[in-house]
């Protein structure tokens, strides 16, 4: 990362303002309550440390947090096939991974 900053001419200082450097991040979260009895899937889209659109399985739709995010949310929400795929992520992503890791996590709980 430092090499990229130097090449772009940015200062390596912690509070230095970076011009011409942009960051996009997608963060996926699974929230488990009582095992897999209640599972919440959240997918956040962030650009330059600002969340612009988010999918929450409890809501069942994309919600825009900025004007750009609202436009994207309307587009994604208008595709029924895509929305069915996204809503199924609770089972496909969260519950599936929970079942794969449960034996490992439960066995290690409380060990020091």
PDB file of N, CA and C in Angstrom:
ATOM      1  N   UNK A   1       0.835  -1.190   0.000  1.00  0.00           N
ATOM      2  CA  UNK A   1       0.000   0.000   0.000  1.00  0.00           C
ATOM      3  C   UNK A   1       0.871   1.241   0.000  1.00  0.00           C
ATOM      4  N   UNK A   2       1.914   1.243   0.814  1.00  0.00           N
ATOM      5  CA  UNK A   2       2.798   2.400   0.872  1.00  0.00           C
ATOM      6  C   UNK A   2       3.420   2.679  -0.481  1.00  0.00           C
ATOM      7  N   UNK A   3       3.804   1.615  -1.215  1.00  0.00           N
ATOM      8  CA  UNK A   3       4.376   1.795  -2.543  1.00  0.00           C
ATOM      9  C   UNK A   3       3.386   2.505  -3.446  1.00  0.00           C
ATOM     10  N   UNK A   4       2.117   2.106  -3.393  1.00  0.00           N
ATOM     11  CA  UNK A   4       1.092   2.749  -4.217  1.00  0.00           C
ATOM     12  C   UNK A   4       0.950   4.216  -3.848  1.00  0.00           C
ATOM     13  N   UNK A   5       1.030   4.525  -2.569  1.00  0.00           N
ATOM     14  CA  UNK A   5       0.917   5.916  -2.131  1.00  0.00           C
ATOM     15  C   UNK A   5       2.096   6.746  -2.624  1.00  0.00           C
ATOM     16  N   UNK A   6       3.289   6.176  -2.562  1.00  0.00           N
ATOM     17  CA  UNK A   6       4.479   6.897  -3.007  1.00  0.00           C
ATOM     18  C   UNK A   6       4.422   7.121  -4.508  1.00  0.00           C
ATOM     19  N   UNK A   7       4.029   6.084  -5.256  1.00  0.00           N
ATOM     20  CA  UNK A   7       3.936   6.203  -6.712  1.00  0.00           C
ATOM     21  C   UNK A   7       2.927   7.273  -7.097  1.00  0.00           C
ATOM     22  N   UNK A   8       1.831   7.359  -6.365  1.00  0.00           N
ATOM     23  CA  UNK A   8       0.806   8.350  -6.656  1.00  0.00           C
ATOM     24  C   UNK A   8       1.165   9.722  -6.100  1.00  0.00           C
ATOM     25  N   UNK A   9       2.266   9.811  -5.396  1.00  0.00           N
ATOM     26  CA  UNK A   9       2.721  11.102  -4.900  1.00  0.00           C
ATOM     27  C   UNK A   9       2.077  11.512  -3.594  1.00  0.00           C
ATOM     28  N   UNK A  10       1.472  10.574  -2.875  1.00  0.00           N
ATOM     29  CA  UNK A  10       0.812  10.905  -1.617  1.00  0.00           C
ATOM     30  C   UNK A  10       1.803  10.813  -0.470  1.00  0.00           C
ATOM     31  N   UNK A  11       1.566  11.588   0.541  1.00  0.00           N
ATOM     32  CA  UNK A  11       2.374  11.536   1.750  1.00  0.00           C
ATOM     33  C   UNK A  11       2.024  10.285   2.535  1.00  0.00           C
ATOM     34  N   UNK A  12       2.981   9.730   3.268  1.00  0.00           N
ATOM     35  CA  UNK A  12       2.700   8.539   4.055  1.00  0.00           C
ATOM     36  C   UNK A  12       2.150   8.881   5.430  1.00  0.00           C
ATOM     37  N   UNK A  13       1.917  10.153   5.739  1.00  0.00           N
ATOM     38  CA  UNK A  13       1.379  10.566   7.033  1.00  0.00           C
ATOM     39  C   UNK A  13      -0.029  10.053   7.242  1.00  0.00           C
ATOM     40  N   UNK A  14      -0.375   9.753   8.494  1.00  0.00           N
ATOM     41  CA  UNK A  14      -1.676   9.169   8.812  1.00  0.00           C
ATOM     42  C   UNK A  14      -2.826  10.114   8.476  1.00  0.00           C
ATOM     43  N   UNK A  15      -2.631  11.412   8.633  1.00  0.00           N
ATOM     44  CA  UNK A  15      -3.707  12.373   8.383  1.00  0.00           C
ATOM     45  C   UNK A  15      -3.614  13.030   7.010  1.00  0.00           C
ATOM     46  N   UNK A  16      -2.729  12.530   6.165  1.00  0.00           N
ATOM     47  CA  UNK A  16      -2.547  13.135   4.853  1.00  0.00           C
ATOM     48  C   UNK A  16      -3.773  12.872   3.983  1.00  0.00           C
ATOM     49  N   UNK A  17      -4.171  13.899   3.261  1.00  0.00           N
ATOM     50  CA  UNK A  17      -5.301  13.739   2.344  1.00  0.00           C
ATOM     51  C   UNK A  17      -4.805  13.096   1.063  1.00  0.00           C
ATOM     52  N   UNK A  18      -5.471  12.047   0.632  1.00  0.00           N
ATOM     53  CA  UNK A  18      -5.062  11.324  -0.559  1.00  0.00           C
ATOM     54  C   UNK A  18      -5.913  11.771  -1.731  1.00  0.00           C
ATOM     55  N   UNK A  19      -5.285  12.293  -2.759  1.00  0.00           N
ATOM     56  CA  UNK A  19      -6.043  12.690  -3.944  1.00  0.00           C
ATOM     57  C   UNK A  19      -5.825  11.657  -5.035  1.00  0.00           C
ATOM     58  N   UNK A  20      -6.892  11.303  -5.722  1.00  0.00           N
ATOM     59  CA  UNK A  20      -6.792  10.339  -6.799  1.00  0.00           C
ATOM     60  C   UNK A  20      -6.755   8.894  -6.344  1.00  0.00           C
ATOM     61  N   UNK A  21      -6.946   8.629  -5.062  1.00  0.00           N
ATOM     62  CA  UNK A  21      -6.959   7.269  -4.552  1.00  0.00           C
ATOM     63  C   UNK A  21      -8.362   6.986  -4.047  1.00  0.00           C
ATOM     64  N   UNK A  22      -8.991   5.937  -4.585  1.00  0.00           N
ATOM     65  CA  UNK A  22     -10.352   5.611  -4.221  1.00  0.00           C
ATOM     66  C   UNK A  22     -10.401   4.179  -3.701  1.00  0.00           C
ATOM     67  N   UNK A  23     -11.298   3.937  -2.796  1.00  0.00           N
ATOM     68  CA  UNK A  23     -11.424   2.607  -2.204  1.00  0.00           C
ATOM     69  C   UNK A  23     -12.873   2.163  -2.296  1.00  0.00           C
ATOM     70  N   UNK A  24     -13.070   0.962  -2.815  1.00  0.00           N
ATOM     71  CA  UNK A  24     -14.399   0.364  -2.814  1.00  0.00           C
ATOM     72  C   UNK A  24     -14.313  -0.933  -2.036  1.00  0.00           C
ATOM     73  N   UNK A  25     -15.319  -1.166  -1.205  1.00  0.00           N
ATOM     74  CA  UNK A  25     -15.313  -2.347  -0.351  1.00  0.00           C
ATOM     75  C   UNK A  25     -16.721  -2.919  -0.293  1.00  0.00           C
ATOM     76  N   UNK A  26     -16.800  -4.236  -0.288  1.00  0.00           N
ATOM     77  CA  UNK A  26     -18.060  -4.931  -0.071  1.00  0.00           C
ATOM     78  C   UNK A  26     -17.860  -5.786   1.173  1.00  0.00           C
ATOM     79  N   UNK A  27     -18.738  -5.625   2.131  1.00  0.00           N
ATOM     80  CA  UNK A  27     -18.625  -6.365   3.388  1.00  0.00           C
ATOM     81  C   UNK A  27     -19.873  -7.213   3.566  1.00  0.00           C
ATOM     82  N   UNK A  28     -19.673  -8.502   3.786  1.00  0.00           N
ATOM     83  CA  UNK A  28     -20.768  -9.434   3.992  1.00  0.00           C
ATOM     84  C   UNK A  28     -20.754  -9.896   5.437  1.00  0.00           C
ATOM     85  N   UNK A  29     -21.917  -9.860   6.077  1.00  0.00           N
ATOM     86  CA  UNK A  29     -22.023 -10.238   7.486  1.00  0.00           C
ATOM     87  C   UNK A  29     -23.139 -11.253   7.667  1.00  0.00           C
ATOM     88  N   UNK A  30     -22.904 -12.202   8.573  1.00  0.00           N
ATOM     89  CA  UNK A  30     -23.936 -13.144   8.991  1.00  0.00           C
ATOM     90  C   UNK A  30     -24.094 -12.991  10.501  1.00  0.00           C
ATOM     91  N   UNK A  31     -25.293 -12.718  10.942  1.00  0.00           N
ATOM     92  CA  UNK A  31     -25.582 -12.577  12.362  1.00  0.00           C
ATOM     93  C   UNK A  31     -26.416 -13.782  12.791  1.00  0.00           C
ATOM     94  N   UNK A  32     -25.892 -14.571  13.731  1.00  0.00           N
ATOM     95  CA  UNK A  32     -26.554 -15.785  14.186  1.00  0.00           C
ATOM     96  C   UNK A  32     -27.118 -15.566  15.580  1.00  0.00           C
ATOM     97  N   UNK A  33     -28.382 -15.895  15.745  1.00  0.00           N
ATOM     98  CA  UNK A  33     -29.029 -15.826  17.042  1.00  0.00           C
ATOM     99  C   UNK A  33     -29.577 -17.214  17.333  1.00  0.00           C
ATOM    100  N   UNK A  34     -29.093 -17.829  18.413  1.00  0.00           N
ATOM    101  CA  UNK A  34     -29.518 -19.173  18.791  1.00  0.00           C
ATOM    102  C   UNK A  34     -29.211 -20.174  17.676  1.00  0.00           C
ATOM    103  N   UNK A  35     -27.933 -20.271  17.325  1.00  0.00           N
ATOM    104  CA  UNK A  35     -27.526 -21.170  16.245  1.00  0.00           C
ATOM    105  C   UNK A  35     -28.032 -20.656  14.920  1.00  0.00           C
ATOM    106  N   UNK A  36     -28.672 -21.507  14.163  1.00  0.00           N
ATOM    107  CA  UNK A  36     -29.219 -21.076  12.876  1.00  0.00           C
ATOM    108  C   UNK A  36     -30.727 -20.846  12.947  1.00  0.00           C
ATOM    109  N   UNK A  37     -31.258 -20.764  14.165  1.00  0.00           N
ATOM    110  CA  UNK A  37     -32.700 -20.539  14.306  1.00  0.00           C
ATOM    111  C   UNK A  37     -33.104 -19.181  13.726  1.00  0.00           C
ATOM    112  N   UNK A  38     -32.333 -18.160  14.032  1.00  0.00           N
ATOM    113  CA  UNK A  38     -32.573 -16.818  13.494  1.00  0.00           C
ATOM    114  C   UNK A  38     -31.268 -16.336  12.889  1.00  0.00           C
ATOM    115  N   UNK A  39     -31.248 -16.131  11.581  1.00  0.00           N
ATOM    116  CA  UNK A  39     -30.038 -15.698  10.884  1.00  0.00           C
ATOM    117  C   UNK A  39     -30.358 -14.449  10.085  1.00  0.00           C
ATOM    118  N   UNK A  40     -29.456 -13.489  10.159  1.00  0.00           N
ATOM    119  CA  UNK A  40     -29.603 -12.237   9.409  1.00  0.00           C
ATOM    120  C   UNK A  40     -28.388 -12.091   8.509  1.00  0.00           C
ATOM    121  N   UNK A  41     -28.620 -11.863   7.218  1.00  0.00           N
ATOM    122  CA  UNK A  41     -27.558 -11.671   6.231  1.00  0.00           C
ATOM    123  C   UNK A  41     -27.547 -10.198   5.837  1.00  0.00           C
ATOM    124  N   UNK A  42     -26.377  -9.582   5.903  1.00  0.00           N
ATOM    125  CA  UNK A  42     -26.244  -8.166   5.544  1.00  0.00           C
ATOM    126  C   UNK A  42     -25.071  -8.039   4.578  1.00  0.00           C
ATOM    127  N   UNK A  43     -25.283  -7.332   3.483  1.00  0.00           N
ATOM    128  CA  UNK A  43     -24.219  -7.066   2.519  1.00  0.00           C
ATOM    129  C   UNK A  43     -24.143  -5.560   2.314  1.00  0.00           C
ATOM    130  N   UNK A  44     -22.981  -4.983   2.662  1.00  0.00           N
ATOM    131  CA  UNK A  44     -22.785  -3.529   2.609  1.00  0.00           C
ATOM    132  C   UNK A  44     -21.825  -3.174   1.477  1.00  0.00           C
ATOM    133  N   UNK A  45     -22.136  -2.109   0.760  1.00  0.00           N
ATOM    134  CA  UNK A  45     -21.281  -1.602  -0.305  1.00  0.00           C
ATOM    135  C   UNK A  45     -20.795  -0.222   0.119  1.00  0.00           C
ATOM    136  N   UNK A  46     -19.468  -0.070   0.179  1.00  0.00           N
ATOM    137  CA  UNK A  46     -18.856   1.142   0.708  1.00  0.00           C
ATOM    138  C   UNK A  46     -17.912   1.717  -0.334  1.00  0.00           C
ATOM    139  N   UNK A  47     -17.973   3.030  -0.523  1.00  0.00           N
ATOM    140  CA  UNK A  47     -17.057   3.728  -1.416  1.00  0.00           C
ATOM    141  C   UNK A  47     -16.455   4.896  -0.654  1.00  0.00           C
ATOM    142  N   UNK A  48     -15.143   4.912  -0.558  1.00  0.00           N
ATOM    143  CA  UNK A  48     -14.424   5.951   0.188  1.00  0.00           C
ATOM    144  C   UNK A  48     -14.990   6.141   1.593  1.00  0.00           C
ATOM    145  N   UNK A  49     -15.121   5.053   2.316  1.00  0.00           N
ATOM    146  CA  UNK A  49     -15.558   5.007   3.710  1.00  0.00           C
ATOM    147  C   UNK A  49     -17.003   5.460   3.915  1.00  0.00           C
ATOM    148  N   UNK A  50     -17.794   5.502   2.859  1.00  0.00           N
ATOM    149  CA  UNK A  50     -19.206   5.863   2.980  1.00  0.00           C
ATOM    150  C   UNK A  50     -20.060   4.743   2.395  1.00  0.00           C
ATOM    151  N   UNK A  51     -20.936   4.189   3.217  1.00  0.00           N
ATOM    152  CA  UNK A  51     -21.842   3.153   2.726  1.00  0.00           C
ATOM    153  C   UNK A  51     -22.860   3.810   1.808  1.00  0.00           C
ATOM    154  N   UNK A  52     -22.992   3.250   0.596  1.00  0.00           N
ATOM    155  CA  UNK A  52     -23.940   3.851  -0.341  1.00  0.00           C
ATOM    156  C   UNK A  52     -25.151   2.969  -0.619  1.00  0.00           C
ATOM    157  N   UNK A  53     -25.039   1.658  -0.408  1.00  0.00           N
ATOM    158  CA  UNK A  53     -26.186   0.772  -0.575  1.00  0.00           C
ATOM    159  C   UNK A  53     -25.960  -0.472   0.287  1.00  0.00           C
ATOM    160  N   UNK A  54     -27.057  -1.070   0.733  1.00  0.00           N
ATOM    161  CA  UNK A  54     -26.960  -2.202   1.650  1.00  0.00           C
ATOM    162  C   UNK A  54     -28.137  -3.145   1.412  1.00  0.00           C
ATOM    163  N   UNK A  55     -27.867  -4.451   1.511  1.00  0.00           N
ATOM    164  CA  UNK A  55     -28.932  -5.446   1.499  1.00  0.00           C
ATOM    165  C   UNK A  55     -29.018  -6.041   2.890  1.00  0.00           C
ATOM    166  N   UNK A  56     -30.215  -6.101   3.436  1.00  0.00           N
ATOM    167  CA  UNK A  56     -30.457  -6.695   4.749  1.00  0.00           C
ATOM    168  C   UNK A  56     -31.560  -7.731   4.570  1.00  0.00           C
ATOM    169  N   UNK A  57     -31.278  -8.989   4.935  1.00  0.00           N
ATOM    170  CA  UNK A  57     -32.268 -10.047   4.721  1.00  0.00           C
ATOM    171  C   UNK A  57     -33.527  -9.820   5.549  1.00  0.00           C
ATOM    172  N   UNK A  58     -33.434  -9.101   6.659  1.00  0.00           N
ATOM    173  CA  UNK A  58     -34.634  -8.793   7.446  1.00  0.00           C
ATOM    174  C   UNK A  58     -35.558  -7.845   6.690  1.00  0.00           C
ATOM    175  N   UNK A  59     -34.985  -6.977   5.860  1.00  0.00           N
ATOM    176  CA  UNK A  59     -35.777  -6.053   5.036  1.00  0.00           C
ATOM    177  C   UNK A  59     -36.179  -6.747   3.733  1.00  0.00           C
ATOM    178  N   UNK A  60     -35.250  -7.520   3.158  1.00  0.00           N
ATOM    179  CA  UNK A  60     -35.529  -8.256   1.930  1.00  0.00           C
ATOM    180  C   UNK A  60     -35.306  -7.471   0.664  1.00  0.00           C
ATOM    181  N   UNK A  61     -34.767  -6.263   0.786  1.00  0.00           N
ATOM    182  CA  UNK A  61     -34.507  -5.390  -0.358  1.00  0.00           C
ATOM    183  C   UNK A  61     -33.191  -4.661  -0.159  1.00  0.00           C
ATOM    184  N   UNK A  62     -32.658  -4.109  -1.258  1.00  0.00           N
ATOM    185  CA  UNK A  62     -31.529  -3.194  -1.155  1.00  0.00           C
ATOM    186  C   UNK A  62     -32.069  -1.833  -0.735  1.00  0.00           C
ATOM    187  N   UNK A  63     -31.315  -1.155   0.101  1.00  0.00           N
ATOM    188  CA  UNK A  63     -31.689   0.182   0.560  1.00  0.00           C
ATOM    189  C   UNK A  63     -30.515   1.104   0.267  1.00  0.00           C
ATOM    190  N   UNK A  64     -30.791   2.212  -0.421  1.00  0.00           N
ATOM    191  CA  UNK A  64     -29.748   3.183  -0.735  1.00  0.00           C
ATOM    192  C   UNK A  64     -29.546   4.158   0.407  1.00  0.00           C
ATOM    193  N   UNK A  65     -28.282   4.441   0.706  1.00  0.00           N
ATOM    194  CA  UNK A  65     -27.944   5.397   1.752  1.00  0.00           C
ATOM    195  C   UNK A  65     -27.531   6.745   1.183  1.00  0.00           C
ATOM    196  N   UNK A  66     -27.261   6.801  -0.113  1.00  0.00           N
ATOM    197  CA  UNK A  66     -26.927   8.044  -0.805  1.00  0.00           C
ATOM    198  C   UNK A  66     -27.807   8.118  -2.049  1.00  0.00           C
ATOM    199  N   UNK A  67     -27.771   9.249  -2.734  1.00  0.00           N
ATOM    200  CA  UNK A  67     -28.582   9.353  -3.954  1.00  0.00           C
ATOM    201  C   UNK A  67     -28.101   8.349  -5.003  1.00  0.00           C
ATOM    202  N   UNK A  68     -26.801   8.154  -5.111  1.00  0.00           N
ATOM    203  CA  UNK A  68     -26.258   7.148  -6.023  1.00  0.00           C
ATOM    204  C   UNK A  68     -26.697   5.751  -5.591  1.00  0.00           C
ATOM    205  N   UNK A  69     -26.636   5.474  -4.286  1.00  0.00           N
ATOM    206  CA  UNK A  69     -27.053   4.185  -3.752  1.00  0.00           C
ATOM    207  C   UNK A  69     -28.520   3.904  -3.974  1.00  0.00           C
ATOM    208  N   UNK A  70     -29.357   4.939  -3.880  1.00  0.00           N
ATOM    209  CA  UNK A  70     -30.797   4.767  -4.133  1.00  0.00           C
ATOM    210  C   UNK A  70     -31.045   4.354  -5.577  1.00  0.00           C
ATOM    211  N   UNK A  71     -30.289   4.924  -6.502  1.00  0.00           N
ATOM    212  CA  UNK A  71     -30.428   4.573  -7.917  1.00  0.00           C
ATOM    213  C   UNK A  71     -30.034   3.103  -8.145  1.00  0.00           C
ATOM    214  N   UNK A  72     -28.940   2.688  -7.534  1.00  0.00           N
ATOM    215  CA  UNK A  72     -28.489   1.298  -7.660  1.00  0.00           C
ATOM    216  C   UNK A  72     -29.500   0.355  -7.003  1.00  0.00           C
ATOM    217  N   UNK A  73     -30.000   0.731  -5.831  1.00  0.00           N
ATOM    218  CA  UNK A  73     -30.975  -0.103  -5.117  1.00  0.00           C
ATOM    219  C   UNK A  73     -32.230  -0.299  -5.968  1.00  0.00           C
ATOM    220  N   UNK A  74     -32.729   0.759  -6.593  1.00  0.00           N
ATOM    221  CA  UNK A  74     -33.910   0.634  -7.461  1.00  0.00           C
ATOM    222  C   UNK A  74     -33.639  -0.337  -8.610  1.00  0.00           C
ATOM    223  N   UNK A  75     -32.454  -0.224  -9.196  1.00  0.00           N
ATOM    224  CA  UNK A  75     -32.094  -1.101 -10.319  1.00  0.00           C
ATOM    225  C   UNK A  75     -32.029  -2.561  -9.867  1.00  0.00           C
ATOM    226  N   UNK A  76     -31.308  -2.840  -8.775  1.00  0.00           N
ATOM    227  CA  UNK A  76     -31.178  -4.216  -8.297  1.00  0.00           C
ATOM    228  C   UNK A  76     -32.513  -4.772  -7.804  1.00  0.00           C
ATOM    229  N   UNK A  77     -33.294  -3.964  -7.100  1.00  0.00           N
ATOM    230  CA  UNK A  77     -34.590  -4.419  -6.584  1.00  0.00           C
ATOM    231  C   UNK A  77     -35.581  -4.712  -7.707  1.00  0.00           C
ATOM    232  N   UNK A  78     -35.371  -4.138  -8.890  1.00  0.00           N
ATOM    233  CA  UNK A  78     -36.313  -4.340  -9.999  1.00  0.00           C
ATOM    234  C   UNK A  78     -36.099  -5.667 -10.722  1.00  0.00           C
ATOM    235  N   UNK A  79     -35.041  -6.392 -10.397  1.00  0.00           N
ATOM    236  CA  UNK A  79     -34.740  -7.668 -11.052  1.00  0.00           C
ATOM    237  C   UNK A  79     -35.150  -8.813 -10.128  1.00  0.00           C
ATOM    238  N   UNK A  80     -36.317  -9.446 -10.368  1.00  0.00           N
ATOM    239  CA  UNK A  80     -36.825 -10.486  -9.465  1.00  0.00           C
ATOM    240  C   UNK A  80     -35.879 -11.685  -9.327  1.00  0.00           C
ATOM    241  N   UNK A  81     -35.225 -12.073 -10.417  1.00  0.00           N
ATOM    242  CA  UNK A  81     -34.311 -13.218 -10.369  1.00  0.00           C
ATOM    243  C   UNK A  81     -33.097 -12.903  -9.476  1.00  0.00           C
ATOM    244  N   UNK A  82     -32.554 -11.704  -9.621  1.00  0.00           N
ATOM    245  CA  UNK A  82     -31.417 -11.288  -8.803  1.00  0.00           C
ATOM    246  C   UNK A  82     -31.806 -11.190  -7.324  1.00  0.00           C
ATOM    247  N   UNK A  83     -33.000 -10.687  -7.059  1.00  0.00           N
ATOM    248  CA  UNK A  83     -33.444 -10.547  -5.671  1.00  0.00           C
ATOM    249  C   UNK A  83     -33.679 -11.909  -5.025  1.00  0.00           C
ATOM    250  N   UNK A  84     -34.187 -12.862  -5.780  1.00  0.00           N
ATOM    251  CA  UNK A  84     -34.369 -14.212  -5.238  1.00  0.00           C
ATOM    252  C   UNK A  84     -33.011 -14.827  -4.886  1.00  0.00           C
ATOM    253  N   UNK A  85     -32.028 -14.608  -5.746  1.00  0.00           N
ATOM    254  CA  UNK A  85     -30.672 -15.088  -5.486  1.00  0.00           C
ATOM    255  C   UNK A  85     -30.116 -14.448  -4.214  1.00  0.00           C
ATOM    256  N   UNK A  86     -30.307 -13.146  -4.061  1.00  0.00           N
ATOM    257  CA  UNK A  86     -29.774 -12.425  -2.895  1.00  0.00           C
ATOM    258  C   UNK A  86     -30.491 -12.869  -1.614  1.00  0.00           C
ATOM    259  N   UNK A  87     -31.803 -13.045  -1.679  1.00  0.00           N
ATOM    260  CA  UNK A  87     -32.554 -13.473  -0.486  1.00  0.00           C
ATOM    261  C   UNK A  87     -32.146 -14.879  -0.046  1.00  0.00           C
ATOM    262  N   UNK A  88     -31.754 -15.719  -0.997  1.00  0.00           N
ATOM    263  CA  UNK A  88     -31.342 -17.086  -0.674  1.00  0.00           C
ATOM    264  C   UNK A  88     -29.948 -17.139  -0.051  1.00  0.00           C
ATOM    265  N   UNK A  89     -29.254 -16.010   0.018  1.00  0.00           N
ATOM    266  CA  UNK A  89     -27.900 -15.978   0.580  1.00  0.00           C
ATOM    267  C   UNK A  89     -27.888 -16.370   2.048  1.00  0.00           C
ATOM    268  N   UNK A  90     -28.991 -16.176   2.750  1.00  0.00           N
ATOM    269  CA  UNK A  90     -29.051 -16.591   4.149  1.00  0.00           C
ATOM    270  C   UNK A  90     -28.762 -18.083   4.258  1.00  0.00           C
ATOM    271  N   UNK A  91     -29.373 -18.880   3.407  1.00  0.00           N
ATOM    272  CA  UNK A  91     -29.136 -20.322   3.427  1.00  0.00           C
ATOM    273  C   UNK A  91     -27.828 -20.683   2.735  1.00  0.00           C
ATOM    274  N   UNK A  92     -27.612 -20.130   1.553  1.00  0.00           N
ATOM    275  CA  UNK A  92     -26.460 -20.494   0.731  1.00  0.00           C
ATOM    276  C   UNK A  92     -25.138 -20.068   1.379  1.00  0.00           C
ATOM    277  N   UNK A  93     -25.105 -18.926   1.969  1.00  0.00           N
ATOM    278  CA  UNK A  93     -23.856 -18.395   2.517  1.00  0.00           C
ATOM    279  C   UNK A  93     -23.755 -18.585   4.031  1.00  0.00           C
ATOM    280  N   UNK A  94     -24.717 -18.072   4.763  1.00  0.00           N
ATOM    281  CA  UNK A  94     -24.624 -18.070   6.232  1.00  0.00           C
ATOM    282  C   UNK A  94     -24.811 -19.452   6.839  1.00  0.00           C
ATOM    283  N   UNK A  95     -25.944 -20.068   6.593  1.00  0.00           N
ATOM    284  CA  UNK A  95     -26.213 -21.363   7.223  1.00  0.00           C
ATOM    285  C   UNK A  95     -25.233 -22.435   6.753  1.00  0.00           C
ATOM    286  N   UNK A  96     -24.880 -22.399   5.472  1.00  0.00           N
ATOM    287  CA  UNK A  96     -23.927 -23.374   4.935  1.00  0.00           C
ATOM    288  C   UNK A  96     -22.577 -23.242   5.647  1.00  0.00           C
ATOM    289  N   UNK A  97     -22.050 -22.038   5.764  1.00  0.00           N
ATOM    290  CA  UNK A  97     -20.763 -21.833   6.424  1.00  0.00           C
ATOM    291  C   UNK A  97     -20.838 -22.116   7.916  1.00  0.00           C
ATOM    292  N   UNK A  98     -21.974 -21.848   8.526  1.00  0.00           N
ATOM    293  CA  UNK A  98     -22.149 -22.150   9.947  1.00  0.00           C
ATOM    294  C   UNK A  98     -22.027 -23.647  10.177  1.00  0.00           C
ATOM    295  N   UNK A  99     -22.683 -24.428   9.326  1.00  0.00           N
ATOM    296  CA  UNK A  99     -22.639 -25.883   9.467  1.00  0.00           C
ATOM    297  C   UNK A  99     -21.230 -26.421   9.244  1.00  0.00           C
ATOM    298  N   UNK A 100     -20.472 -25.816   8.332  1.00  0.00           N
ATOM    299  CA  UNK A 100     -19.105 -26.267   8.076  1.00  0.00           C
ATOM    300  C   UNK A 100     -18.173 -25.990   9.251  1.00  0.00           C
ATOM    301  N   UNK A 101     -18.377 -24.863   9.918  1.00  0.00           N
ATOM    302  CA  UNK A 101     -17.444 -24.460  10.972  1.00  0.00           C
ATOM    303  C   UNK A 101     -17.902 -24.808  12.375  1.00  0.00           C
ATOM    304  N   UNK A 102     -19.130 -25.254  12.553  1.00  0.00           N
ATOM    305  CA  UNK A 102     -19.664 -25.509  13.896  1.00  0.00           C
ATOM    306  C   UNK A 102     -18.818 -26.504  14.687  1.00  0.00           C
ATOM    307  N   UNK A 103     -18.458 -27.615  14.081  1.00  0.00           N
ATOM    308  CA  UNK A 103     -17.692 -28.630  14.809  1.00  0.00           C
ATOM    309  C   UNK A 103     -16.364 -28.057  15.299  1.00  0.00           C
ATOM    310  N   UNK A 104     -15.702 -27.303  14.456  1.00  0.00           N
ATOM    311  CA  UNK A 104     -14.423 -26.708  14.835  1.00  0.00           C
ATOM    312  C   UNK A 104     -14.593 -25.674  15.940  1.00  0.00           C
ATOM    313  N   UNK A 105     -15.583 -24.820  15.816  1.00  0.00           N
ATOM    314  CA  UNK A 105     -15.780 -23.742  16.787  1.00  0.00           C
ATOM    315  C   UNK A 105     -16.279 -24.262  18.129  1.00  0.00           C
ATOM    316  N   UNK A 106     -17.212 -25.208  18.121  1.00  0.00           N
ATOM    317  CA  UNK A 106     -17.786 -25.724  19.363  1.00  0.00           C
ATOM    318  C   UNK A 106     -16.747 -26.512  20.140  1.00  0.00           C
ATOM    319  N   UNK A 107     -15.925 -27.298  19.442  1.00  0.00           N
ATOM    320  CA  UNK A 107     -14.901 -28.089  20.113  1.00  0.00           C
ATOM    321  C   UNK A 107     -13.889 -27.211  20.833  1.00  0.00           C
ATOM    322  N   UNK A 108     -13.602 -26.053  20.310  1.00  0.00           N
ATOM    323  CA  UNK A 108     -12.560 -25.174  20.843  1.00  0.00           C
ATOM    324  C   UNK A 108     -13.103 -24.189  21.894  1.00  0.00           C
ATOM    325  N   UNK A 109     -14.410 -24.088  22.028  1.00  0.00           N
ATOM    326  CA  UNK A 109     -15.008 -23.134  22.950  1.00  0.00           C
ATOM    327  C   UNK A 109     -14.560 -23.425  24.377  1.00  0.00           C
ATOM    328  N   UNK A 110     -14.031 -22.435  25.058  1.00  0.00           N
ATOM    329  CA  UNK A 110     -13.660 -22.558  26.453  1.00  0.00           C
ATOM    330  C   UNK A 110     -12.268 -23.132  26.679  1.00  0.00           C
ATOM    331  N   UNK A 111     -11.595 -23.621  25.630  1.00  0.00           N
ATOM    332  CA  UNK A 111     -10.241 -24.142  25.815  1.00  0.00           C
ATOM    333  C   UNK A 111      -9.266 -22.987  25.914  1.00  0.00           C
ATOM    334  N   UNK A 112      -8.219 -23.191  26.707  1.00  0.00           N
ATOM    335  CA  UNK A 112      -7.173 -22.160  26.837  1.00  0.00           C
ATOM    336  C   UNK A 112      -5.834 -22.763  26.556  1.00  0.00           C
TER     337      UNK A 112
END
